[in-house]
Amino acid sequence: MTTDEMGARIDAFLLQRFDPPWTDPTAEQADQCRARIEDVARELVRSISAREAHLRDLSRDVAGTLTLSNGETADWNLSMLRALRQIKTETERLADDFAAEAGMHGANYPDLGAAWGITRQGARKRWSHTVSALNPDTYRGREPIHFEAFGGEARVSFHPDDGGWWWIATAANRRTAEAPEGVTYDTSEEASAAAGAFLAANTTTDGVTT
């Protein structure tokens, strides 16, 4: 395989969008993840726990025996709780970093919300300005749609800043309307249906469908 061929295959792979992007963790995978998190918390506790610091000042034999009873004390468990809070904080920071990377490479707010287990609106509120309108992948497969129906016409387009689809339409009776402020749709089909409903309801000058 030539260098050019290898480069072309790499580019094609990077441009490929896997849908869905993931499979939900199994119960076994979740258990393994939780065990690893606990290990990380215990490691941090060794540095921040007052009890652990005191044990280091004792002889190795005594410290080893007493360490086994740490879990039976309130202060050690509180240290674990504090360590877990730090892990949560760092997890949130990592989530922000990876959400920004995903948005930069074409993910929209519905994508981010699905990955984090929140709504599209929640993702947009949490990671505002994360979805990049400048990245060409943002519009890949999301070209504007123009259609005519009921004597009027509508345009449906993707708004990357809002992470959804939006519509504007002019009906047969020359009335013009658009999606309400702050409202976008997860799919072009949903936006088109809303625009079509407006066109269908405004086929005469009095707004009554014929």
C-alpha atoms as a PDB file:
ATOM      1  CA  MET A   1       0.000   0.000   0.000  1.00  0.00           C
ATOM      2  CA  THR A   2       1.404   3.388  -0.990  1.00  0.00           C
ATOM      3  CA  THR A   3       1.652   6.369   1.315  1.00  0.00           C
ATOM      4  CA  ASP A   4      -1.113   8.134  -0.617  1.00  0.00           C
ATOM      5  CA  GLU A   5      -3.382   5.096  -0.352  1.00  0.00           C
ATOM      6  CA  MET A   6      -2.717   4.813   3.363  1.00  0.00           C
ATOM      7  CA  GLY A   7      -3.452   8.518   3.797  1.00  0.00           C
ATOM      8  CA  ALA A   8      -6.715   8.161   1.882  1.00  0.00           C
ATOM      9  CA  ARG A   9      -7.806   5.230   4.061  1.00  0.00           C
ATOM     10  CA  ILE A  10      -6.985   7.154   7.223  1.00  0.00           C
ATOM     11  CA  ASP A  11      -8.934  10.193   6.006  1.00  0.00           C
ATOM     12  CA  ALA A  12     -11.909   8.006   5.076  1.00  0.00           C
ATOM     13  CA  PHE A  13     -11.888   6.371   8.509  1.00  0.00           C
ATOM     14  CA  LEU A  14     -11.718   9.714  10.322  1.00  0.00           C
ATOM     15  CA  LEU A  15     -14.630  11.049   8.278  1.00  0.00           C
ATOM     16  CA  GLN A  16     -16.756   7.969   8.940  1.00  0.00           C
ATOM     17  CA  ARG A  17     -19.485   8.593  11.522  1.00  0.00           C
ATOM     18  CA  PHE A  18     -20.376   5.615  13.698  1.00  0.00           C
ATOM     19  CA  ASP A  19     -24.019   5.625  14.738  1.00  0.00           C
ATOM     20  CA  PRO A  20     -24.700   4.892  17.501  1.00  0.00           C
ATOM     21  CA  PRO A  21     -21.307   6.063  18.801  1.00  0.00           C
ATOM     22  CA  TRP A  22     -21.328   3.665  21.762  1.00  0.00           C
ATOM     23  CA  THR A  23     -23.069   0.779  23.466  1.00  0.00           C
ATOM     24  CA  ASP A  24     -24.208   1.188  27.055  1.00  0.00           C
ATOM     25  CA  PRO A  25     -21.858  -0.402  29.611  1.00  0.00           C
ATOM     26  CA  THR A  26     -22.864  -3.821  30.839  1.00  0.00           C
ATOM     27  CA  ALA A  27     -23.405  -4.479  34.541  1.00  0.00           C
ATOM     28  CA  GLU A  28     -19.998  -6.152  34.689  1.00  0.00           C
ATOM     29  CA  GLN A  29     -18.300  -3.197  33.002  1.00  0.00           C
ATOM     30  CA  ALA A  30     -20.053  -0.808  35.391  1.00  0.00           C
ATOM     31  CA  ASP A  31     -18.841  -2.854  38.372  1.00  0.00           C
ATOM     32  CA  GLN A  32     -15.277  -2.790  37.048  1.00  0.00           C
ATOM     33  CA  CYS A  33     -15.482   0.960  36.511  1.00  0.00           C
ATOM     34  CA  ARG A  34     -16.758   1.519  40.049  1.00  0.00           C
ATOM     35  CA  ALA A  35     -13.958  -0.647  41.483  1.00  0.00           C
ATOM     36  CA  ARG A  36     -11.342   1.370  39.608  1.00  0.00           C
ATOM     37  CA  ILE A  37     -12.839   4.624  40.813  1.00  0.00           C
ATOM     38  CA  GLU A  38     -12.698   3.320  44.372  1.00  0.00           C
ATOM     39  CA  ASP A  39      -9.030   2.424  43.874  1.00  0.00           C
ATOM     40  CA  VAL A  40      -8.310   5.967  42.660  1.00  0.00           C
ATOM     41  CA  ALA A  41     -10.186   7.413  45.655  1.00  0.00           C
ATOM     42  CA  ARG A  42      -8.236   5.227  48.098  1.00  0.00           C
ATOM     43  CA  GLU A  43      -4.985   6.349  46.529  1.00  0.00           C
ATOM     44  CA  LEU A  44      -5.983   9.989  46.969  1.00  0.00           C
ATOM     45  CA  VAL A  45      -7.086   9.354  50.554  1.00  0.00           C
ATOM     46  CA  ARG A  46      -3.577   8.150  51.391  1.00  0.00           C
ATOM     47  CA  SER A  47      -2.436  11.697  50.667  1.00  0.00           C
ATOM     48  CA  ILE A  48      -5.256  13.713  52.229  1.00  0.00           C
ATOM     49  CA  SER A  49      -6.450  11.671  55.214  1.00  0.00           C
ATOM     50  CA  ALA A  50      -5.263  12.868  58.642  1.00  0.00           C
ATOM     51  CA  ARG A  51      -5.584   9.298  59.907  1.00  0.00           C
ATOM     52  CA  GLU A  52      -3.417   7.992  57.076  1.00  0.00           C
ATOM     53  CA  ALA A  53      -0.807  10.657  57.824  1.00  0.00           C
ATOM     54  CA  HIS A  54      -0.727   9.625  61.484  1.00  0.00           C
ATOM     55  CA  LEU A  55      -0.366   5.960  60.542  1.00  0.00           C
ATOM     56  CA  ARG A  56       2.735   6.788  58.502  1.00  0.00           C
ATOM     57  CA  ASP A  57       4.359   8.083  61.695  1.00  0.00           C
ATOM     58  CA  LEU A  58       3.879   4.727  63.414  1.00  0.00           C
ATOM     59  CA  SER A  59       5.942   1.599  62.997  1.00  0.00           C
ATOM     60  CA  ARG A  60       5.176  -0.438  59.881  1.00  0.00           C
ATOM     61  CA  ASP A  61       3.770  -3.389  61.810  1.00  0.00           C
ATOM     62  CA  VAL A  62       1.461  -1.267  63.921  1.00  0.00           C
ATOM     63  CA  ALA A  63       0.367   0.835  60.946  1.00  0.00           C
ATOM     64  CA  GLY A  64      -0.353  -2.273  58.898  1.00  0.00           C
ATOM     65  CA  THR A  65      -2.595  -3.677  61.606  1.00  0.00           C
ATOM     66  CA  LEU A  66      -4.455  -0.417  62.213  1.00  0.00           C
ATOM     67  CA  THR A  67      -4.927   0.254  58.492  1.00  0.00           C
ATOM     68  CA  LEU A  68      -7.244  -2.736  58.289  1.00  0.00           C
ATOM     69  CA  SER A  69      -9.638  -0.935  60.643  1.00  0.00           C
ATOM     70  CA  ASN A  70      -9.721   2.385  58.750  1.00  0.00           C
ATOM     71  CA  GLY A  71     -13.081   1.595  57.219  1.00  0.00           C
ATOM     72  CA  GLU A  72     -14.610   1.415  60.684  1.00  0.00           C
ATOM     73  CA  THR A  73     -13.835   5.067  61.475  1.00  0.00           C
ATOM     74  CA  ALA A  74     -15.894   8.119  60.563  1.00  0.00           C
ATOM     75  CA  ASP A  75     -12.967  10.358  59.641  1.00  0.00           C
ATOM     76  CA  TRP A  76     -11.471   7.890  57.143  1.00  0.00           C
ATOM     77  CA  ASN A  77     -14.822   7.416  55.425  1.00  0.00           C
ATOM     78  CA  LEU A  78     -15.255  11.185  55.344  1.00  0.00           C
ATOM     79  CA  SER A  79     -11.842  11.394  53.671  1.00  0.00           C
ATOM     80  CA  MET A  80     -13.072   8.899  51.086  1.00  0.00           C
ATOM     81  CA  LEU A  81     -16.155  11.040  50.557  1.00  0.00           C
ATOM     82  CA  ARG A  82     -13.956  14.101  50.023  1.00  0.00           C
ATOM     83  CA  ALA A  83     -11.797  12.164  47.561  1.00  0.00           C
ATOM     84  CA  LEU A  84     -14.876  11.074  45.629  1.00  0.00           C
ATOM     85  CA  ARG A  85     -16.047  14.689  45.482  1.00  0.00           C
ATOM     86  CA  GLN A  86     -12.704  15.608  43.907  1.00  0.00           C
ATOM     87  CA  ILE A  87     -13.085  12.779  41.422  1.00  0.00           C
ATOM     88  CA  LYS A  88     -16.532  14.109  40.541  1.00  0.00           C
ATOM     89  CA  THR A  89     -15.082  17.603  40.010  1.00  0.00           C
ATOM     90  CA  GLU A  90     -12.334  16.274  37.760  1.00  0.00           C
ATOM     91  CA  THR A  91     -14.856  14.128  35.890  1.00  0.00           C
ATOM     92  CA  GLU A  92     -16.962  17.221  35.190  1.00  0.00           C
ATOM     93  CA  ARG A  93     -13.896  19.041  33.893  1.00  0.00           C
ATOM     94  CA  LEU A  94     -12.988  16.135  31.643  1.00  0.00           C
ATOM     95  CA  ALA A  95     -16.574  16.006  30.391  1.00  0.00           C
ATOM     96  CA  ASP A  96     -16.326  19.680  29.428  1.00  0.00           C
ATOM     97  CA  ASP A  97     -13.086  19.020  27.543  1.00  0.00           C
ATOM     98  CA  PHE A  98     -14.426  16.043  25.612  1.00  0.00           C
ATOM     99  CA  ALA A  99     -17.742  17.769  24.891  1.00  0.00           C
ATOM    100  CA  ALA A 100     -15.792  20.641  23.355  1.00  0.00           C
ATOM    101  CA  GLU A 101     -13.762  18.217  21.232  1.00  0.00           C
ATOM    102  CA  ALA A 102     -16.917  16.417  20.101  1.00  0.00           C
ATOM    103  CA  GLY A 103     -18.581  19.696  19.176  1.00  0.00           C
ATOM    104  CA  MET A 104     -15.516  20.823  17.279  1.00  0.00           C
ATOM    105  CA  HIS A 105     -15.640  17.682  15.180  1.00  0.00           C
ATOM    106  CA  GLY A 106     -19.287  17.793  14.196  1.00  0.00           C
ATOM    107  CA  ALA A 107     -21.384  16.615  17.167  1.00  0.00           C
ATOM    108  CA  ASN A 108     -24.529  18.623  17.891  1.00  0.00           C
ATOM    109  CA  TYR A 109     -26.394  19.283  21.135  1.00  0.00           C
ATOM    110  CA  PRO A 110     -28.704  16.253  20.810  1.00  0.00           C
ATOM    111  CA  ASP A 111     -25.556  14.136  20.454  1.00  0.00           C
ATOM    112  CA  LEU A 112     -23.965  15.672  23.552  1.00  0.00           C
ATOM    113  CA  GLY A 113     -27.171  15.365  25.549  1.00  0.00           C
ATOM    114  CA  ALA A 114     -27.567  11.697  24.653  1.00  0.00           C
ATOM    115  CA  ALA A 115     -23.986  10.932  25.679  1.00  0.00           C
ATOM    116  CA  TRP A 116     -24.332  12.719  29.036  1.00  0.00           C
ATOM    117  CA  GLY A 117     -27.864  11.514  29.727  1.00  0.00           C
ATOM    118  CA  ILE A 118     -29.517  14.938  29.575  1.00  0.00           C
ATOM    119  CA  THR A 119     -31.808  16.738  27.150  1.00  0.00           C
ATOM    120  CA  ARG A 120     -30.668  18.686  24.124  1.00  0.00           C
ATOM    121  CA  GLN A 121     -31.633  21.883  25.931  1.00  0.00           C
ATOM    122  CA  GLY A 122     -29.666  20.797  28.980  1.00  0.00           C
ATOM    123  CA  ALA A 123     -26.600  20.115  26.834  1.00  0.00           C
ATOM    124  CA  ARG A 124     -26.939  23.484  25.121  1.00  0.00           C
ATOM    125  CA  LYS A 125     -27.181  25.221  28.506  1.00  0.00           C
ATOM    126  CA  ARG A 126     -24.233  23.325  29.973  1.00  0.00           C
ATOM    127  CA  TRP A 127     -21.959  23.540  26.925  1.00  0.00           C
ATOM    128  CA  SER A 128     -23.078  26.729  25.208  1.00  0.00           C
ATOM    129  CA  HIS A 129     -20.996  27.651  22.144  1.00  0.00           C
ATOM    130  CA  THR A 130     -19.443  24.163  22.148  1.00  0.00           C
ATOM    131  CA  VAL A 131     -20.883  23.139  18.782  1.00  0.00           C
ATOM    132  CA  SER A 132     -18.701  24.696  16.128  1.00  0.00           C
ATOM    133  CA  ALA A 133     -20.372  26.376  13.186  1.00  0.00           C
ATOM    134  CA  LEU A 134     -16.981  26.678  11.495  1.00  0.00           C
ATOM    135  CA  ASN A 135     -16.268  22.972  11.264  1.00  0.00           C
ATOM    136  CA  PRO A 136     -17.411  21.553   7.894  1.00  0.00           C
ATOM    137  CA  ASP A 137     -18.433  18.289   9.579  1.00  0.00           C
ATOM    138  CA  THR A 138     -21.103  20.242  11.448  1.00  0.00           C
ATOM    139  CA  TYR A 139     -23.122  20.526   8.227  1.00  0.00           C
ATOM    140  CA  ARG A 140     -22.261  17.129   6.792  1.00  0.00           C
ATOM    141  CA  GLY A 141     -25.559  15.492   5.860  1.00  0.00           C
ATOM    142  CA  ARG A 142     -27.481  18.550   7.091  1.00  0.00           C
ATOM    143  CA  GLU A 143     -27.894  20.582   3.933  1.00  0.00           C
ATOM    144  CA  PRO A 144     -30.820  23.065   3.906  1.00  0.00           C
ATOM    145  CA  ILE A 145     -34.113  21.709   2.578  1.00  0.00           C
ATOM    146  CA  HIS A 146     -36.534  23.711   0.431  1.00  0.00           C
ATOM    147  CA  PHE A 147     -39.989  22.397  -0.353  1.00  0.00           C
ATOM    148  CA  GLU A 148     -43.338  23.588  -1.647  1.00  0.00           C
ATOM    149  CA  ALA A 149     -46.711  22.489  -0.285  1.00  0.00           C
ATOM    150  CA  PHE A 150     -50.295  23.793  -0.086  1.00  0.00           C
ATOM    151  CA  GLY A 151     -49.443  26.667  -2.422  1.00  0.00           C
ATOM    152  CA  GLY A 152     -46.640  27.940  -0.185  1.00  0.00           C
ATOM    153  CA  GLU A 153     -42.984  27.188   0.385  1.00  0.00           C
ATOM    154  CA  ALA A 154     -40.667  26.509   3.301  1.00  0.00           C
ATOM    155  CA  ARG A 155     -36.983  26.301   4.047  1.00  0.00           C
ATOM    156  CA  VAL A 156     -35.585  23.998   6.735  1.00  0.00           C
ATOM    157  CA  SER A 157     -31.995  24.496   7.853  1.00  0.00           C
ATOM    158  CA  PHE A 158     -29.629  23.246  10.511  1.00  0.00           C
ATOM    159  CA  HIS A 159     -28.508  25.697  13.193  1.00  0.00           C
ATOM    160  CA  PRO A 160     -25.263  24.434  14.762  1.00  0.00           C
ATOM    161  CA  ASP A 161     -25.276  26.991  17.563  1.00  0.00           C
ATOM    162  CA  ASP A 162     -28.627  25.624  18.714  1.00  0.00           C
ATOM    163  CA  GLY A 163     -27.825  22.043  17.826  1.00  0.00           C
ATOM    164  CA  GLY A 164     -31.038  21.494  15.890  1.00  0.00           C
ATOM    165  CA  TRP A 165     -33.206  22.235  12.852  1.00  0.00           C
ATOM    166  CA  TRP A 166     -35.227  25.394  12.248  1.00  0.00           C
ATOM    167  CA  TRP A 167     -37.805  26.436   9.667  1.00  0.00           C
ATOM    168  CA  ILE A 168     -39.204  29.516   7.963  1.00  0.00           C
ATOM    169  CA  ALA A 169     -42.171  29.458   5.580  1.00  0.00           C
ATOM    170  CA  THR A 170     -44.379  31.626   3.407  1.00  0.00           C
ATOM    171  CA  ALA A 171     -47.902  30.305   2.969  1.00  0.00           C
ATOM    172  CA  ALA A 172     -50.307  30.582   0.017  1.00  0.00           C
ATOM    173  CA  ASN A 173     -52.030  33.523   1.703  1.00  0.00           C
ATOM    174  CA  ARG A 174     -48.600  35.255   1.879  1.00  0.00           C
ATOM    175  CA  ARG A 175     -48.344  34.886   5.628  1.00  0.00           C
ATOM    176  CA  THR A 176     -44.820  34.244   6.824  1.00  0.00           C
ATOM    177  CA  ALA A 177     -43.827  32.392   9.972  1.00  0.00           C
ATOM    178  CA  GLU A 178     -40.842  30.657  11.465  1.00  0.00           C
ATOM    179  CA  ALA A 179     -40.012  28.352  14.346  1.00  0.00           C
ATOM    180  CA  PRO A 180     -40.603  30.128  17.675  1.00  0.00           C
ATOM    181  CA  GLU A 181     -37.607  31.846  19.237  1.00  0.00           C
ATOM    182  CA  GLY A 182     -35.407  29.362  21.041  1.00  0.00           C
ATOM    183  CA  VAL A 183     -37.109  26.358  19.440  1.00  0.00           C
ATOM    184  CA  THR A 184     -35.235  23.892  17.245  1.00  0.00           C
ATOM    185  CA  TYR A 185     -36.002  20.334  16.220  1.00  0.00           C
ATOM    186  CA  ASP A 186     -33.878  17.227  16.575  1.00  0.00           C
ATOM    187  CA  THR A 187     -34.449  16.143  12.966  1.00  0.00           C
ATOM    188  CA  SER A 188     -35.168  17.802   9.637  1.00  0.00           C
ATOM    189  CA  GLU A 189     -38.338  15.705   9.410  1.00  0.00           C
ATOM    190  CA  GLU A 190     -39.726  17.243  12.604  1.00  0.00           C
ATOM    191  CA  ALA A 191     -38.939  20.764  11.413  1.00  0.00           C
ATOM    192  CA  SER A 192     -40.456  20.034   7.989  1.00  0.00           C
ATOM    193  CA  ALA A 193     -43.620  18.687   9.610  1.00  0.00           C
ATOM    194  CA  ALA A 194     -44.005  21.861  11.669  1.00  0.00           C
ATOM    195  CA  ALA A 195     -43.486  24.029   8.600  1.00  0.00           C
ATOM    196  CA  GLY A 196     -45.926  21.889   6.626  1.00  0.00           C
ATOM    197  CA  ALA A 197     -48.556  22.267   9.328  1.00  0.00           C
ATOM    198  CA  PHE A 198     -48.248  26.051   9.062  1.00  0.00           C
ATOM    199  CA  LEU A 199     -48.585  25.922   5.273  1.00  0.00           C
ATOM    200  CA  ALA A 200     -51.615  23.632   5.506  1.00  0.00           C
ATOM    201  CA  ALA A 201     -53.337  25.987   7.943  1.00  0.00           C
ATOM    202  CA  ASN A 202     -52.812  29.039   5.756  1.00  0.00           C
ATOM    203  CA  THR A 203     -54.001  28.164   2.295  1.00  0.00           C
ATOM    204  CA  THR A 204     -56.563  31.007   2.069  1.00  0.00           C
ATOM    205  CA  THR A 205     -56.482  34.711   2.826  1.00  0.00           C
ATOM    206  CA  ASP A 206     -58.465  34.254   6.042  1.00  0.00           C
ATOM    207  CA  GLY A 207     -56.170  31.512   7.271  1.00  0.00           C
ATOM    208  CA  VAL A 208     -58.802  28.789   6.949  1.00  0.00           C
ATOM    209  CA  THR A 209     -57.777  25.688   5.049  1.00  0.00           C
ATOM    210  CA  THR A 210     -59.833  25.037   1.935  1.00  0.00           C
END
